[in-house]
PDB file of N, CA and C in Angstrom:
ATOM      1  N   MET A   1    -144.259  16.483  59.413  1.00  0.00           N
ATOM      2  CA  MET A   1    -144.929  16.906  60.710  1.00  0.00           C
ATOM      3  C   MET A   1    -143.758  17.315  61.751  1.00  0.00           C
ATOM      4  N   ASN A   2    -143.886  18.580  62.250  1.00  0.00           N
ATOM      5  CA  ASN A   2    -142.887  18.883  63.143  1.00  0.00           C
ATOM      6  C   ASN A   2    -143.279  18.524  64.624  1.00  0.00           C
ATOM      7  N   GLU A   3    -142.395  18.758  65.387  1.00  0.00           N
ATOM      8  CA  GLU A   3    -142.603  18.254  66.828  1.00  0.00           C
ATOM      9  C   GLU A   3    -143.972  18.992  67.492  1.00  0.00           C
ATOM     10  N   ARG A   4    -144.084  20.157  67.236  1.00  0.00           N
ATOM     11  CA  ARG A   4    -145.156  20.831  67.719  1.00  0.00           C
ATOM     12  C   ARG A   4    -146.568  20.190  67.463  1.00  0.00           C
ATOM     13  N   ASP A   5    -146.618  19.891  65.982  1.00  0.00           N
ATOM     14  CA  ASP A   5    -147.866  19.147  65.740  1.00  0.00           C
ATOM     15  C   ASP A   5    -147.988  17.748  66.099  1.00  0.00           C
ATOM     16  N   ARG A   6    -146.823  17.173  66.494  1.00  0.00           N
ATOM     17  CA  ARG A   6    -146.913  15.741  67.212  1.00  0.00           C
ATOM     18  C   ARG A   6    -147.500  15.936  68.673  1.00  0.00           C
ATOM     19  N   GLU A   7    -146.967  16.863  69.191  1.00  0.00           N
ATOM     20  CA  GLU A   7    -147.397  17.083  70.601  1.00  0.00           C
ATOM     21  C   GLU A   7    -148.876  17.484  70.744  1.00  0.00           C
ATOM     22  N   ALA A   8    -149.406  18.400  69.743  1.00  0.00           N
ATOM     23  CA  ALA A   8    -150.785  18.863  69.742  1.00  0.00           C
ATOM     24  C   ALA A   8    -151.595  17.374  69.430  1.00  0.00           C
ATOM     25  N   LEU A   9    -151.282  16.691  68.450  1.00  0.00           N
ATOM     26  CA  LEU A   9    -151.923  15.448  68.280  1.00  0.00           C
ATOM     27  C   LEU A   9    -151.987  14.569  69.382  1.00  0.00           C
ATOM     28  N   ASN A  10    -150.838  14.360  70.160  1.00  0.00           N
ATOM     29  CA  ASN A  10    -150.844  13.541  71.242  1.00  0.00           C
ATOM     30  C   ASN A  10    -151.774  14.073  72.384  1.00  0.00           C
ATOM     31  N   ASP A  11    -151.937  15.426  72.452  1.00  0.00           N
ATOM     32  CA  ASP A  11    -152.859  16.057  73.384  1.00  0.00           C
ATOM     33  C   ASP A  11    -154.263  15.629  73.142  1.00  0.00           C
ATOM     34  N   ILE A  12    -154.468  15.857  71.770  1.00  0.00           N
ATOM     35  CA  ILE A  12    -156.022  15.547  71.253  1.00  0.00           C
ATOM     36  C   ILE A  12    -156.325  14.129  71.631  1.00  0.00           C
ATOM     37  N   ILE A  13    -155.355  13.058  71.282  1.00  0.00           N
ATOM     38  CA  ILE A  13    -155.626  11.777  71.612  1.00  0.00           C
ATOM     39  C   ILE A  13    -155.903  11.427  73.049  1.00  0.00           C
ATOM     40  N   GLY A  14    -155.071  12.119  73.869  1.00  0.00           N
ATOM     41  CA  GLY A  14    -155.209  11.978  75.315  1.00  0.00           C
ATOM     42  C   GLY A  14    -156.713  12.539  75.917  1.00  0.00           C
ATOM     43  N   VAL A  15    -157.002  13.622  75.275  1.00  0.00           N
ATOM     44  CA  VAL A  15    -158.341  14.048  75.839  1.00  0.00           C
ATOM     45  C   VAL A  15    -159.403  13.258  75.241  1.00  0.00           C
ATOM     46  N   LEU A  16    -159.298  12.696  74.063  1.00  0.00           N
ATOM     47  CA  LEU A  16    -160.467  11.836  73.466  1.00  0.00           C
ATOM     48  C   LEU A  16    -160.471  10.515  74.344  1.00  0.00           C
ATOM     49  N   ASP A  17    -159.381  10.047  74.635  1.00  0.00           N
ATOM     50  CA  ASP A  17    -159.317   8.883  75.656  1.00  0.00           C
ATOM     51  C   ASP A  17    -160.191   9.189  76.937  1.00  0.00           C
ATOM     52  N   ARG A  18    -159.895  10.470  77.474  1.00  0.00           N
ATOM     53  CA  ARG A  18    -160.599  10.818  78.845  1.00  0.00           C
ATOM     54  C   ARG A  18    -162.126  10.783  78.446  1.00  0.00           C
ATOM     55  N   ALA A  19    -162.362  11.480  77.270  1.00  0.00           N
ATOM     56  CA  ALA A  19    -163.898  11.705  77.047  1.00  0.00           C
ATOM     57  C   ALA A  19    -164.664  10.337  76.832  1.00  0.00           C
ATOM     58  N   LEU A  20    -163.868   9.371  76.200  1.00  0.00           N
ATOM     59  CA  LEU A  20    -164.443   8.008  75.980  1.00  0.00           C
ATOM     60  C   LEU A  20    -164.743   7.329  77.246  1.00  0.00           C
ATOM     61  N   GLY A  21    -164.023   7.759  78.420  1.00  0.00           N
ATOM     62  CA  GLY A  21    -164.265   7.215  79.769  1.00  0.00           C
ATOM     63  C   GLY A  21    -165.345   7.840  80.504  1.00  0.00           C
ATOM     64  N   PHE A  22    -165.999   8.832  79.960  1.00  0.00           N
ATOM     65  CA  PHE A  22    -167.187   9.541  80.794  1.00  0.00           C
ATOM     66  C   PHE A  22    -168.255   8.615  80.895  1.00  0.00           C
ATOM     67  N   PRO A  23    -169.015   8.597  81.943  1.00  0.00           N
ATOM     68  CA  PRO A  23    -170.164   7.651  82.211  1.00  0.00           C
ATOM     69  C   PRO A  23    -171.412   8.143  81.482  1.00  0.00           C
ATOM     70  N   ILE A  24    -171.502   7.879  80.330  1.00  0.00           N
ATOM     71  CA  ILE A  24    -172.613   8.387  79.427  1.00  0.00           C
ATOM     72  C   ILE A  24    -173.271   7.061  78.914  1.00  0.00           C
ATOM     73  N   SER A  25    -174.325   6.635  79.514  1.00  0.00           N
ATOM     74  CA  SER A  25    -175.025   5.454  79.107  1.00  0.00           C
ATOM     75  C   SER A  25    -175.954   5.651  78.017  1.00  0.00           C
ATOM     76  N   SER A  26    -176.440   6.859  77.634  1.00  0.00           N
ATOM     77  CA  SER A  26    -177.331   6.952  76.509  1.00  0.00           C
ATOM     78  C   SER A  26    -177.213   8.510  76.279  1.00  0.00           C
ATOM     79  N   PHE A  27    -177.799   8.727  75.151  1.00  0.00           N
ATOM     80  CA  PHE A  27    -177.962  10.169  74.540  1.00  0.00           C
ATOM     81  C   PHE A  27    -178.931  11.044  75.601  1.00  0.00           C
ATOM     82  N   GLN A  28    -179.847  10.431  76.019  1.00  0.00           N
ATOM     83  CA  GLN A  28    -180.781  11.087  76.969  1.00  0.00           C
ATOM     84  C   GLN A  28    -179.947  11.387  78.283  1.00  0.00           C
ATOM     85  N   VAL A  29    -179.217  10.614  78.727  1.00  0.00           N
ATOM     86  CA  VAL A  29    -178.416  10.992  79.952  1.00  0.00           C
ATOM     87  C   VAL A  29    -177.553  12.061  79.718  1.00  0.00           C
ATOM     88  N   LEU A  30    -177.007  12.112  78.478  1.00  0.00           N
ATOM     89  CA  LEU A  30    -176.179  13.369  78.147  1.00  0.00           C
ATOM     90  C   LEU A  30    -176.919  14.541  78.090  1.00  0.00           C
ATOM     91  N   GLU A  31    -178.193  14.524  77.528  1.00  0.00           N
ATOM     92  CA  GLU A  31    -178.872  15.568  77.380  1.00  0.00           C
ATOM     93  C   GLU A  31    -179.517  16.313  78.724  1.00  0.00           C
ATOM     94  N   GLU A  32    -179.680  15.340  79.754  1.00  0.00           N
ATOM     95  CA  GLU A  32    -180.066  15.656  80.958  1.00  0.00           C
ATOM     96  C   GLU A  32    -178.975  16.170  82.012  1.00  0.00           C
ATOM     97  N   THR A  33    -177.759  15.977  81.649  1.00  0.00           N
ATOM     98  CA  THR A  33    -176.752  16.156  82.662  1.00  0.00           C
ATOM     99  C   THR A  33    -175.691  17.224  82.248  1.00  0.00           C
ATOM    100  N   ASP A  34    -175.813  18.544  82.803  1.00  0.00           N
ATOM    101  CA  ASP A  34    -174.983  19.408  82.379  1.00  0.00           C
ATOM    102  C   ASP A  34    -173.577  19.309  82.504  1.00  0.00           C
ATOM    103  N   TYR A  35    -173.265  18.676  83.695  1.00  0.00           N
ATOM    104  CA  TYR A  35    -171.639  18.493  83.848  1.00  0.00           C
ATOM    105  C   TYR A  35    -171.131  17.674  82.705  1.00  0.00           C
ATOM    106  N   LEU A  36    -171.985  16.595  82.385  1.00  0.00           N
ATOM    107  CA  LEU A  36    -171.405  15.650  81.332  1.00  0.00           C
ATOM    108  C   LEU A  36    -171.338  16.398  79.961  1.00  0.00           C
ATOM    109  N   GLN A  37    -172.327  17.297  79.658  1.00  0.00           N
ATOM    110  CA  GLN A  37    -172.169  18.032  78.372  1.00  0.00           C
ATOM    111  C   GLN A  37    -171.036  18.885  78.525  1.00  0.00           C
ATOM    112  N   ASP A  38    -170.866  19.699  79.514  1.00  0.00           N
ATOM    113  CA  ASP A  38    -169.596  20.485  79.813  1.00  0.00           C
ATOM    114  C   ASP A  38    -168.314  19.776  79.567  1.00  0.00           C
ATOM    115  N   ALA A  39    -168.217  18.669  80.086  1.00  0.00           N
ATOM    116  CA  ALA A  39    -167.058  17.881  80.143  1.00  0.00           C
ATOM    117  C   ALA A  39    -166.714  17.357  78.670  1.00  0.00           C
ATOM    118  N   LEU A  40    -167.813  16.846  77.994  1.00  0.00           N
ATOM    119  CA  LEU A  40    -167.600  16.271  76.829  1.00  0.00           C
ATOM    120  C   LEU A  40    -167.395  17.379  75.580  1.00  0.00           C
ATOM    121  N   ILE A  41    -167.884  18.512  75.768  1.00  0.00           N
ATOM    122  CA  ILE A  41    -167.723  19.504  74.827  1.00  0.00           C
ATOM    123  C   ILE A  41    -166.275  20.212  74.934  1.00  0.00           C
ATOM    124  N   ARG A  42    -165.852  20.253  76.288  1.00  0.00           N
ATOM    125  CA  ARG A  42    -164.480  20.735  76.467  1.00  0.00           C
ATOM    126  C   ARG A  42    -163.369  19.790  76.102  1.00  0.00           C
ATOM    127  N   CYS A  43    -163.703  18.555  76.072  1.00  0.00           N
ATOM    128  CA  CYS A  43    -162.770  17.462  75.762  1.00  0.00           C
ATOM    129  C   CYS A  43    -162.959  17.043  74.438  1.00  0.00           C
TER     130      CYS A  43
END
């Protein structure tokens, strides 16, 4: 694995950590909240 691949994977892990911190208490909340959907889809 080259350095570019490692950097890409580190970026992916960082974004996943951020997404896990979003305040989503249930699937229904996610369905009803546009900004959470946008944030989760983009992250």
